[in-house]
Amino acid sequence: MADEKATIAPPSGRRPPFGVALIPLVAMALLLGVGYGVYKIKAQILLVTAATVTAFLGLALGFKWQDMERGIVESIRKALPAILIMLSVGLLIGAWMAGGTIPMVIYYGLKLISPRFFLATACLVSSVVAIACGTSWGTIGTVGVAFMGIAMGLGIPLGPAAGAVVAGAYFGDKMSPLSDIPNLATVISGSNLFDHIKHMVPSAGPAWLAGLVIYAAAGLKYGATATKSETLDLILSTLKANFRFTPLLLLPMAVIFYFAVAKKPTIPAMLLSSLAAAALAVFVQKVPLTVVATAMNTGLPPRTGVAAVDTLLSKGGMMSMMETQLIAFTAFSYGGIMQATGCLAVILDKVMRFTKHVWSLVLTTVGAAVLSALITGSSYLSMILPADLLAPAFKRKNLAAKNLSRIIEESGGIVVPLIPWSMAGVYITGTLGVSTFSYLPWAFMNYLSVGMLILFGFTGWTMAPKVREDETQAGS
């Protein structure tokens, strides 16, 4: 916690007034809203421009470039584990494609899943996998990619399909004791892990169930307009002709699940799973080693002669994550300068004034988490910064720490994937091949749970009082 606080305290220069601190935020909103939303300019160019505006403002306030540069480096340093996971996921998807694991899932998914139940099934399965593995990114990068392939084969629109996968993956992630997000939320707020997870059920549960109902209703429409059987038959026959399907192809998945349940590191699990898939590609699918290496680097080359199938299988490879990582670097550069110049701290300090009542405290915490997510693009910082600032206010209101941990996770960590320039947003876009604005309306759980939090704030429902001095001992 001390290290995090140090990163938002300006090391030199003068503290910017509130109006001045808002300039970089307004600049970013205008650049992304008009440049990205209207003119479709690449987000990384706009983020570099926003960072440049913020840097010149910092120089005008008397900050040294070296201080702002250290802020950038520190911000990117915190993102490096996630960036390494991105590269590993690209490698993993390419290997799973070449080895036949994802083609087999697509094949049997097309045979077994009805278009009417596809969206609900995608959400449900993604939820279960994420709870078991404790990772939203791992779920999206594996079963999520397979579901997108199935959606293309069935003629399901990709925006709703991606939204169902994202909602399911993040619901499972935040309800899993194996995930880093709920563990971080409890550590920084001083709550108990299992109390925290149980406390999220009243907000996350109805939001998730509402999403399932909408997916089921939407499935009635999409099922009636699904791809004609001749196209499906062509895809199925082409997959069957080009891949040998055997239970051995489940081995790469088993490796991921074992490492997750055993709470072992994620990146070694992905590398070992990729090696297993590469071996299956060579020995089971009879794919030349050079082609396997290409698949792991730039994606599986066209190999079936059927355009629809080659499109399904062209995902993955480390190079597929390069643009995603460029956006991440530029977003974290902007966030790093915002912290180094004290602009972010000034804005959040101003937000702190609206905490006189329980309802205003809840709204303030939600607003601070969402604002931190918009500025930093980081699930971690969107929880850490509001928790640092607002934990004393929850104690003054005699509210249990699990209220704070629930709010920062559901309005910070779970909202981040809906932000196009966030680390999660660019990862999902790069992995599933669908823009954030296309899947955002369909990720119902991610924003309906925020609405539930606001409702609880105004009514007082489920706002647990503090019942013991130290909530951090058992189960944290």
Protein backbone atom coordinates (compact mmCIF):
# COMPACT_ATOMS: atom_id res chain seq x y z
CA MET A 1 0.00 0.00 0.00
CA ALA A 2 2.81 2.41 0.80
CA ASP A 3 4.32 1.92 -2.65
CA GLU A 4 1.00 2.59 -4.34
CA LYS A 5 0.47 5.80 -2.38
CA ALA A 6 3.94 6.95 -3.32
CA THR A 7 3.13 6.67 -7.01
CA ILE A 8 0.29 9.21 -6.83
CA ALA A 9 2.17 11.82 -4.79
CA PRO A 10 3.87 14.38 -7.10
CA PRO A 11 7.66 14.30 -6.45
CA SER A 12 8.29 17.86 -7.62
CA GLY A 13 6.53 20.90 -9.01
CA ARG A 14 3.40 22.39 -7.49
CA ARG A 15 0.08 20.69 -6.82
CA PRO A 16 -2.25 21.55 -9.71
CA PRO A 17 -5.57 23.30 -8.97
CA PHE A 18 -8.67 21.18 -9.58
CA GLY A 19 -9.60 22.97 -12.80
CA VAL A 20 -6.10 22.49 -14.18
CA ALA A 21 -6.04 18.82 -13.11
CA LEU A 22 -9.20 18.27 -15.17
CA ILE A 23 -7.55 19.45 -18.41
CA PRO A 24 -5.84 16.08 -19.23
CA LEU A 25 -9.05 14.21 -18.43
CA VAL A 26 -11.14 16.48 -20.65
CA ALA A 27 -8.49 16.26 -23.39
CA MET A 28 -8.55 12.47 -23.30
CA ALA A 29 -12.35 12.37 -23.31
CA LEU A 30 -12.52 14.68 -26.34
CA LEU A 31 -9.74 12.90 -28.22
CA LEU A 32 -11.18 9.43 -27.69
CA GLY A 33 -14.80 10.50 -27.99
CA VAL A 34 -14.36 12.39 -31.24
CA GLY A 35 -11.19 10.86 -32.70
CA TYR A 36 -11.93 7.23 -31.85
CA GLY A 37 -15.73 7.33 -31.64
CA VAL A 38 -16.42 9.49 -34.72
CA TYR A 39 -13.37 9.39 -37.00
CA LYS A 40 -12.13 5.90 -36.03
CA ILE A 41 -8.55 7.12 -35.51
CA LYS A 42 -6.33 4.50 -33.89
CA ALA A 43 -6.63 4.68 -30.09
CA GLN A 44 -2.86 4.53 -29.54
CA ILE A 45 -2.32 7.77 -31.52
CA LEU A 46 -4.99 9.52 -29.48
CA LEU A 47 -3.56 8.24 -26.20
CA VAL A 48 -0.09 9.47 -27.16
CA THR A 49 -1.64 12.87 -27.89
CA ALA A 50 -3.43 12.89 -24.52
CA ALA A 51 -0.18 11.92 -22.76
CA THR A 52 1.65 14.71 -24.60
CA VAL A 53 -0.94 17.30 -23.50
CA THR A 54 -0.58 16.06 -19.92
CA ALA A 55 3.23 16.16 -20.11
CA PHE A 56 3.27 19.78 -21.36
CA LEU A 57 0.85 20.69 -18.58
CA GLY A 58 3.22 19.05 -16.09
CA LEU A 59 6.15 21.07 -17.45
CA ALA A 60 4.11 24.26 -17.13
CA LEU A 61 3.38 23.37 -13.49
CA GLY A 62 7.09 23.00 -12.77
CA PHE A 63 7.45 19.23 -12.89
CA LYS A 64 10.62 17.79 -14.37
CA TRP A 65 10.44 15.47 -17.35
CA GLN A 66 12.52 12.95 -15.40
CA ASP A 67 9.78 12.75 -12.76
CA MET A 68 7.08 12.22 -15.35
CA GLU A 69 9.24 9.66 -17.13
CA ARG A 70 9.62 7.76 -13.85
CA GLY A 71 5.83 7.83 -13.52
CA ILE A 72 5.49 6.32 -17.00
CA VAL A 73 8.07 3.62 -16.29
CA GLU A 74 6.46 2.75 -12.95
CA SER A 75 3.02 2.55 -14.53
CA ILE A 76 4.25 0.28 -17.34
CA ARG A 77 6.25 -1.81 -14.85
CA LYS A 78 3.03 -2.68 -13.06
CA ALA A 79 1.48 -3.70 -16.38
CA LEU A 80 4.34 -5.99 -17.44
CA PRO A 81 2.91 -9.18 -15.86
CA ALA A 82 -0.32 -8.65 -17.80
CA ILE A 83 1.64 -7.90 -20.99
CA LEU A 84 3.59 -11.14 -20.60
CA ILE A 85 0.29 -12.98 -20.17
CA MET A 86 -0.93 -11.40 -23.42
CA LEU A 87 2.07 -12.76 -25.30
CA SER A 88 1.58 -16.17 -23.71
CA VAL A 89 -2.10 -16.19 -24.68
CA GLY A 90 -1.22 -15.41 -28.30
CA LEU A 91 1.28 -18.27 -28.28
CA LEU A 92 -1.29 -20.55 -26.63
CA ILE A 93 -4.10 -19.85 -29.10
CA GLY A 94 -1.81 -20.41 -32.10
CA ALA A 95 -0.61 -23.73 -30.66
CA TRP A 96 -4.14 -24.87 -29.76
CA MET A 97 -5.27 -24.09 -33.30
CA ALA A 98 -2.43 -26.07 -34.89
CA GLY A 99 -2.80 -28.94 -32.43
CA GLY A 100 -6.51 -29.29 -33.09
CA THR A 101 -7.78 -28.47 -29.58
CA ILE A 102 -9.81 -25.41 -30.57
CA PRO A 103 -10.95 -26.91 -33.93
CA MET A 104 -12.27 -29.94 -32.01
CA VAL A 105 -14.19 -27.72 -29.57
CA ILE A 106 -15.61 -25.76 -32.51
CA TYR A 107 -16.56 -28.98 -34.32
CA TYR A 108 -18.46 -30.53 -31.44
CA GLY A 109 -19.85 -27.15 -30.41
CA LEU A 110 -21.38 -26.72 -33.86
CA LYS A 111 -22.83 -30.22 -33.68
CA LEU A 112 -24.20 -30.00 -30.14
CA ILE A 113 -25.10 -26.36 -29.36
CA SER A 114 -28.40 -25.06 -30.68
CA PRO A 115 -28.29 -21.46 -31.98
CA ARG A 116 -31.26 -20.72 -29.71
CA PHE A 117 -29.22 -21.51 -26.63
CA PHE A 118 -25.81 -20.34 -27.81
CA LEU A 119 -25.58 -17.02 -25.93
CA ALA A 120 -26.80 -18.47 -22.63
CA THR A 121 -24.51 -21.48 -23.06
CA ALA A 122 -21.48 -19.28 -23.82
CA CYS A 123 -22.10 -17.20 -20.69
CA LEU A 124 -22.75 -20.22 -18.46
CA VAL A 125 -19.74 -22.23 -19.63
CA SER A 126 -17.43 -19.20 -19.42
CA SER A 127 -18.63 -18.59 -15.87
CA VAL A 128 -17.93 -22.16 -14.77
CA VAL A 129 -14.49 -22.25 -16.40
CA ALA A 130 -13.49 -18.90 -14.87
CA ILE A 131 -14.62 -19.98 -11.39
CA ALA A 132 -12.60 -23.17 -11.73
CA CYS A 133 -9.50 -21.47 -13.17
CA GLY A 134 -9.71 -18.14 -11.39
CA THR A 135 -8.87 -16.18 -14.53
CA SER A 136 -11.06 -14.16 -16.88
CA TRP A 137 -8.26 -13.66 -19.41
CA GLY A 138 -7.42 -17.35 -19.55
CA THR A 139 -11.10 -18.19 -20.05
CA ILE A 140 -11.53 -15.60 -22.81
CA GLY A 141 -8.31 -16.70 -24.53
CA THR A 142 -9.29 -20.39 -24.60
CA VAL A 143 -12.98 -21.32 -24.45
CA GLY A 144 -13.87 -17.73 -25.45
CA VAL A 145 -11.98 -18.07 -28.73
CA ALA A 146 -13.68 -21.42 -29.34
CA PHE A 147 -17.12 -19.91 -28.72
CA MET A 148 -16.37 -17.12 -31.18
CA GLY A 149 -15.55 -19.76 -33.78
CA ILE A 150 -18.82 -21.53 -33.02
CA ALA A 151 -20.71 -18.22 -33.30
CA MET A 152 -19.21 -17.59 -36.73
CA GLY A 153 -20.21 -21.07 -37.81
CA LEU A 154 -23.76 -20.71 -36.54
CA GLY A 155 -24.24 -17.22 -37.90
CA ILE A 156 -24.59 -15.64 -34.45
CA PRO A 157 -23.57 -11.92 -34.41
CA LEU A 158 -20.12 -11.60 -32.89
CA GLY A 159 -20.89 -8.62 -30.64
CA PRO A 160 -23.51 -10.47 -28.56
CA ALA A 161 -21.37 -13.62 -28.56
CA ALA A 162 -18.34 -11.76 -27.21
CA GLY A 163 -20.50 -9.94 -24.65
CA ALA A 164 -21.84 -13.24 -23.31
CA VAL A 165 -18.30 -14.65 -23.03
CA VAL A 166 -16.96 -11.51 -21.32
CA ALA A 167 -19.85 -11.34 -18.84
CA GLY A 168 -19.49 -15.02 -17.96
CA ALA A 169 -15.71 -14.88 -17.68
CA TYR A 170 -15.71 -11.84 -15.40
CA PHE A 171 -18.54 -13.17 -13.25
CA GLY A 172 -16.59 -16.38 -12.67
CA ASP A 173 -13.36 -14.44 -12.13
CA LYS A 174 -14.79 -12.24 -9.40
CA MET A 175 -16.56 -15.11 -7.64
CA SER A 176 -13.50 -17.39 -7.63
CA PRO A 177 -11.25 -17.56 -4.54
CA LEU A 178 -8.42 -18.47 -6.94
CA SER A 179 -8.59 -15.15 -8.79
CA ASP A 180 -6.22 -12.26 -8.12
CA ILE A 181 -8.99 -9.63 -8.41
CA PRO A 182 -11.08 -10.61 -5.33
CA ASN A 183 -7.91 -11.38 -3.40
CA LEU A 184 -6.52 -7.92 -4.14
CA ALA A 185 -9.86 -6.28 -3.29
CA THR A 186 -9.91 -7.92 0.14
CA VAL A 187 -6.27 -7.18 0.92
CA ILE A 188 -6.46 -3.45 0.15
CA SER A 189 -9.81 -2.97 1.91
CA GLY A 190 -9.06 -5.14 4.95
CA SER A 191 -11.94 -7.59 4.49
CA ASN A 192 -12.20 -11.37 4.57
CA LEU A 193 -11.97 -13.18 1.22
CA PHE A 194 -14.91 -15.54 1.64
CA ASP A 195 -17.03 -12.88 3.36
CA HIS A 196 -16.26 -10.66 0.38
CA ILE A 197 -17.29 -13.30 -2.18
CA LYS A 198 -20.54 -14.05 -0.32
CA HIS A 199 -21.23 -10.32 -0.06
CA MET A 200 -21.04 -9.98 -3.87
CA VAL A 201 -23.80 -12.56 -4.43
CA PRO A 202 -26.70 -10.08 -3.88
CA SER A 203 -25.30 -7.68 -6.50
CA ALA A 204 -23.51 -9.95 -8.97
CA GLY A 205 -26.05 -12.80 -8.81
CA PRO A 206 -29.13 -10.86 -10.03
CA ALA A 207 -27.05 -9.05 -12.67
CA TRP A 208 -25.72 -12.37 -13.98
CA LEU A 209 -29.17 -14.02 -13.95
CA ALA A 210 -30.70 -11.03 -15.74
CA GLY A 211 -28.05 -11.43 -18.42
CA LEU A 212 -28.88 -15.13 -18.83
CA VAL A 213 -32.57 -14.30 -19.27
CA ILE A 214 -31.75 -11.71 -21.94
CA TYR A 215 -29.39 -14.14 -23.69
CA ALA A 216 -32.12 -16.79 -23.71
CA ALA A 217 -34.65 -14.33 -25.13
CA ALA A 218 -32.20 -13.07 -27.77
CA GLY A 219 -31.45 -16.67 -28.72
CA LEU A 220 -35.03 -17.08 -29.95
CA LYS A 221 -34.34 -14.35 -32.52
CA TYR A 222 -30.88 -15.53 -33.55
CA GLY A 223 -31.94 -19.16 -33.70
CA ALA A 224 -34.51 -18.29 -36.33
CA THR A 225 -31.90 -16.62 -38.54
CA ALA A 226 -28.99 -19.03 -38.02
CA THR A 227 -26.67 -20.11 -40.80
CA LYS A 228 -28.18 -22.48 -43.31
CA SER A 229 -27.42 -26.13 -42.81
CA GLU A 230 -25.41 -26.37 -46.06
CA THR A 231 -22.86 -23.88 -44.69
CA LEU A 232 -22.72 -25.69 -41.38
CA ASP A 233 -22.27 -29.00 -43.15
CA LEU A 234 -19.41 -27.54 -45.19
CA ILE A 235 -17.66 -26.23 -42.05
CA LEU A 236 -18.14 -29.52 -40.19
CA SER A 237 -16.94 -31.68 -43.07
CA THR A 238 -13.92 -29.43 -43.68
CA LEU A 239 -12.87 -29.51 -40.02
CA LYS A 240 -13.30 -33.28 -39.94
CA ALA A 241 -11.25 -33.72 -43.11
CA ASN A 242 -8.35 -31.54 -41.94
CA PHE A 243 -8.01 -32.56 -38.30
CA ARG A 244 -7.87 -35.81 -36.42
CA PHE A 245 -10.09 -35.57 -33.33
CA THR A 246 -9.10 -37.61 -30.30
CA PRO A 247 -9.45 -37.21 -26.51
CA LEU A 248 -5.69 -36.51 -26.48
CA LEU A 249 -6.48 -33.03 -27.79
CA LEU A 250 -7.95 -32.18 -24.38
CA LEU A 251 -4.48 -32.49 -22.80
CA PRO A 252 -3.54 -28.79 -23.30
CA MET A 253 -6.78 -27.80 -21.54
CA ALA A 254 -6.09 -30.25 -18.73
CA VAL A 255 -2.68 -28.63 -18.17
CA ILE A 256 -4.31 -25.19 -17.75
CA PHE A 257 -6.94 -26.53 -15.34
CA TYR A 258 -4.36 -28.40 -13.25
CA PHE A 259 -2.13 -25.37 -12.83
CA ALA A 260 -5.15 -23.22 -11.95
CA VAL A 261 -6.53 -25.59 -9.31
CA ALA A 262 -3.05 -26.17 -7.90
CA LYS A 263 -2.60 -22.36 -7.70
CA LYS A 264 0.58 -22.50 -9.75
CA PRO A 265 1.85 -19.59 -11.89
CA THR A 266 -0.16 -18.73 -14.99
CA ILE A 267 2.58 -18.10 -17.54
CA PRO A 268 4.42 -21.43 -17.02
CA ALA A 269 1.04 -23.16 -17.35
CA MET A 270 0.39 -21.47 -20.69
CA LEU A 271 3.88 -22.26 -21.98
CA LEU A 272 3.61 -25.92 -20.98
CA SER A 273 0.13 -26.15 -22.51
CA SER A 274 1.46 -24.56 -25.71
CA LEU A 275 4.27 -27.12 -25.88
CA ALA A 276 1.78 -29.95 -25.40
CA ALA A 277 -0.41 -28.54 -28.18
CA ALA A 278 2.61 -28.15 -30.46
CA ALA A 279 3.54 -31.79 -29.88
CA LEU A 280 -0.02 -32.84 -30.72
CA ALA A 281 0.14 -30.76 -33.90
CA VAL A 282 3.28 -32.57 -35.02
CA PHE A 283 2.47 -36.13 -33.94
CA VAL A 284 -1.33 -36.27 -34.15
CA GLN A 285 -2.21 -33.71 -36.82
CA LYS A 286 1.01 -34.32 -38.84
CA VAL A 287 1.60 -30.59 -39.21
CA PRO A 288 5.21 -29.68 -40.11
CA LEU A 289 7.15 -28.14 -37.25
CA THR A 290 7.77 -24.99 -39.30
CA VAL A 291 4.01 -24.49 -39.73
CA VAL A 292 3.48 -24.98 -36.00
CA ALA A 293 6.12 -22.33 -35.27
CA THR A 294 4.40 -19.96 -37.71
CA ALA A 295 1.04 -20.58 -36.02
CA MET A 296 2.54 -19.70 -32.62
CA ASN A 297 4.10 -16.53 -34.03
CA THR A 298 1.58 -15.08 -36.51
CA GLY A 299 -1.38 -17.48 -36.44
CA LEU A 300 -2.26 -20.68 -38.29
CA PRO A 301 -1.73 -20.25 -42.06
CA PRO A 302 -4.69 -21.06 -44.35
CA ARG A 303 -4.68 -24.81 -44.81
CA THR A 304 -8.18 -26.05 -45.65
CA GLY A 305 -8.96 -24.24 -48.92
CA VAL A 306 -12.37 -23.22 -47.52
CA ALA A 307 -12.45 -19.50 -46.73
CA ALA A 308 -15.05 -19.77 -43.95
CA VAL A 309 -13.03 -22.38 -42.09
CA ASP A 310 -9.69 -20.65 -42.60
CA THR A 311 -11.26 -17.51 -41.11
CA LEU A 312 -12.32 -19.52 -38.06
CA LEU A 313 -8.80 -20.90 -37.58
CA SER A 314 -6.74 -17.78 -38.28
CA LYS A 315 -6.69 -16.56 -34.66
CA GLY A 316 -3.71 -16.45 -32.34
CA GLY A 317 0.04 -16.04 -32.53
CA MET A 318 2.20 -13.65 -30.53
CA MET A 319 2.12 -11.05 -33.30
CA SER A 320 -1.68 -10.83 -32.97
CA MET A 321 -1.10 -9.19 -29.58
CA MET A 322 1.32 -6.49 -30.78
CA GLU A 323 -1.24 -3.75 -31.48
CA THR A 324 -2.97 -4.63 -28.24
CA GLN A 325 0.28 -4.16 -26.35
CA LEU A 326 0.98 -0.86 -28.11
CA ILE A 327 -2.35 0.49 -26.89
CA ALA A 328 -1.52 -0.77 -23.39
CA PHE A 329 1.85 1.02 -23.41
CA THR A 330 0.32 4.32 -24.54
CA ALA A 331 -2.59 4.09 -22.06
CA PHE A 332 -0.28 3.37 -19.15
CA SER A 333 2.02 6.19 -20.23
CA TYR A 334 -0.91 8.61 -19.97
CA GLY A 335 -1.90 7.17 -16.59
CA GLY A 336 1.69 7.36 -15.34
CA ILE A 337 1.97 11.08 -16.15
CA MET A 338 -1.44 11.73 -14.56
CA GLN A 339 -0.16 10.19 -11.34
CA ALA A 340 3.31 11.76 -11.42
CA THR A 341 1.94 15.28 -11.87
CA GLY A 342 -0.61 14.82 -9.09
CA CYS A 343 -3.58 15.45 -11.41
CA LEU A 344 -5.19 12.13 -10.51
CA ALA A 345 -4.71 12.69 -6.78
CA VAL A 346 -6.28 16.17 -6.99
CA ILE A 347 -9.34 14.83 -8.83
CA LEU A 348 -9.83 11.96 -6.38
CA ASP A 349 -9.32 14.25 -3.39
CA LYS A 350 -12.13 16.46 -4.67
CA VAL A 351 -14.33 13.39 -5.05
CA MET A 352 -13.70 12.60 -1.36
CA ARG A 353 -15.85 15.56 -0.28
CA PHE A 354 -19.07 13.81 -1.25
CA THR A 355 -19.13 11.22 1.54
CA LYS A 356 -21.48 12.66 4.16
CA HIS A 357 -24.17 9.96 3.87
CA VAL A 358 -24.08 6.24 3.14
CA TRP A 359 -25.70 6.73 -0.27
CA SER A 360 -23.27 9.51 -1.17
CA LEU A 361 -20.35 7.40 0.07
CA VAL A 362 -21.42 4.53 -2.18
CA LEU A 363 -21.87 6.85 -5.17
CA THR A 364 -18.52 8.49 -4.46
CA THR A 365 -16.75 5.14 -4.25
CA VAL A 366 -18.38 3.94 -7.48
CA GLY A 367 -17.47 7.21 -9.19
CA ALA A 368 -13.89 7.13 -7.93
CA ALA A 369 -13.43 3.53 -9.10
CA VAL A 370 -14.91 4.21 -12.55
CA LEU A 371 -12.87 7.41 -12.90
CA SER A 372 -9.68 5.58 -11.90
CA ALA A 373 -10.51 2.87 -14.44
CA LEU A 374 -11.04 5.45 -17.19
CA ILE A 375 -7.78 7.26 -16.43
CA THR A 376 -5.45 4.37 -15.64
CA GLY A 377 -7.02 1.53 -17.68
CA SER A 378 -5.94 -0.82 -14.90
CA SER A 379 -8.13 -3.20 -12.89
CA TYR A 380 -5.63 -3.04 -10.04
CA LEU A 381 -5.32 0.75 -9.83
CA SER A 382 -9.07 1.23 -10.24
CA MET A 383 -9.44 -0.68 -6.96
CA ILE A 384 -6.29 0.44 -5.11
CA LEU A 385 -6.72 4.21 -5.48
CA PRO A 386 -10.36 4.42 -4.25
CA ALA A 387 -9.63 1.98 -1.41
CA ASP A 388 -6.69 4.10 -0.25
CA LEU A 389 -8.78 7.26 -0.23
CA LEU A 390 -12.12 6.00 1.05
CA ALA A 391 -11.37 3.25 3.58
CA PRO A 392 -11.41 5.78 6.48
CA ALA A 393 -14.84 7.04 5.38
CA PHE A 394 -16.30 3.51 5.56
CA LYS A 395 -14.89 3.15 9.08
CA ARG A 396 -16.45 6.48 10.13
CA LYS A 397 -19.81 5.26 8.85
CA ASN A 398 -19.35 2.01 10.84
CA LEU A 399 -19.60 -0.02 7.63
CA ALA A 400 -17.89 -3.37 7.24
CA ALA A 401 -14.83 -3.47 5.00
CA LYS A 402 -16.53 -6.03 2.76
CA ASN A 403 -18.83 -3.21 1.55
CA LEU A 404 -15.78 -1.34 0.28
CA SER A 405 -14.18 -4.42 -1.27
CA ARG A 406 -17.43 -5.29 -3.08
CA ILE A 407 -17.85 -1.79 -4.48
CA ILE A 408 -14.28 -1.32 -5.71
CA GLU A 409 -14.24 -4.73 -7.40
CA GLU A 410 -17.61 -4.41 -9.12
CA SER A 411 -17.28 -0.75 -10.17
CA GLY A 412 -13.52 -0.83 -10.80
CA GLY A 413 -12.08 -4.21 -11.68
CA ILE A 414 -15.19 -5.49 -13.48
CA VAL A 415 -15.90 -2.25 -15.38
CA VAL A 416 -12.37 -2.05 -16.83
CA PRO A 417 -13.04 -4.55 -19.70
CA LEU A 418 -15.75 -2.18 -20.97
CA ILE A 419 -13.19 0.61 -21.51
CA PRO A 420 -11.68 0.44 -25.04
CA TRP A 421 -8.22 1.72 -24.05
CA SER A 422 -7.89 -0.33 -20.86
CA MET A 423 -5.57 -3.31 -20.65
CA ALA A 424 -8.54 -5.69 -20.45
CA GLY A 425 -10.43 -3.93 -23.24
CA VAL A 426 -7.57 -4.10 -25.74
CA TYR A 427 -6.82 -7.69 -24.71
CA ILE A 428 -10.41 -8.80 -25.34
CA THR A 429 -10.57 -6.94 -28.65
CA GLY A 430 -7.28 -8.45 -29.79
CA THR A 431 -8.20 -11.95 -28.65
CA LEU A 432 -11.84 -12.20 -29.76
CA GLY A 433 -11.55 -9.89 -32.78
CA VAL A 434 -14.55 -7.77 -31.71
CA SER A 435 -14.46 -4.06 -30.83
CA THR A 436 -15.25 -3.01 -27.27
CA PHE A 437 -18.27 -0.99 -28.38
CA SER A 438 -19.67 -4.09 -30.10
CA TYR A 439 -19.60 -6.35 -27.05
CA LEU A 440 -20.11 -3.67 -24.35
CA PRO A 441 -23.95 -3.53 -24.60
CA TRP A 442 -24.11 -7.31 -24.25
CA ALA A 443 -21.84 -7.67 -21.22
CA PHE A 444 -24.87 -7.20 -18.97
CA MET A 445 -23.37 -8.51 -15.74
CA ASN A 446 -20.47 -6.05 -15.87
CA TYR A 447 -22.64 -2.95 -15.64
CA LEU A 448 -25.91 -4.20 -14.14
CA SER A 449 -24.02 -5.14 -10.98
CA VAL A 450 -22.93 -1.48 -10.69
CA GLY A 451 -26.59 -0.50 -10.85
CA MET A 452 -27.29 -2.95 -8.02
CA LEU A 453 -24.56 -1.31 -5.91
CA ILE A 454 -26.12 2.12 -6.41
CA LEU A 455 -29.54 0.72 -5.47
CA PHE A 456 -28.08 -0.76 -2.28
CA GLY A 457 -26.47 2.56 -1.46
CA PHE A 458 -29.76 4.45 -1.64
CA THR A 459 -31.84 1.81 0.15
CA GLY A 460 -29.26 0.50 2.61
CA TRP A 461 -30.00 -3.09 1.56
CA THR A 462 -27.06 -5.46 2.15
CA MET A 463 -24.89 -2.61 3.50
CA ALA A 464 -23.35 -4.63 6.30
CA PRO A 465 -22.35 -2.86 9.54
CA LYS A 466 -18.90 -3.38 11.01
CA VAL A 467 -19.16 -6.16 13.61
CA ARG A 468 -15.55 -6.80 14.54
CA GLU A 469 -12.41 -4.77 14.73
CA ASP A 470 -10.19 -6.95 12.57
CA GLU A 471 -11.84 -8.46 9.49
CA THR A 472 -8.56 -9.46 7.88
CA GLN A 473 -7.58 -12.49 9.90
CA ALA A 474 -9.80 -15.39 8.91
CA GLY A 475 -9.64 -16.52 5.32
CA SER A 476 -7.77 -13.56 3.93
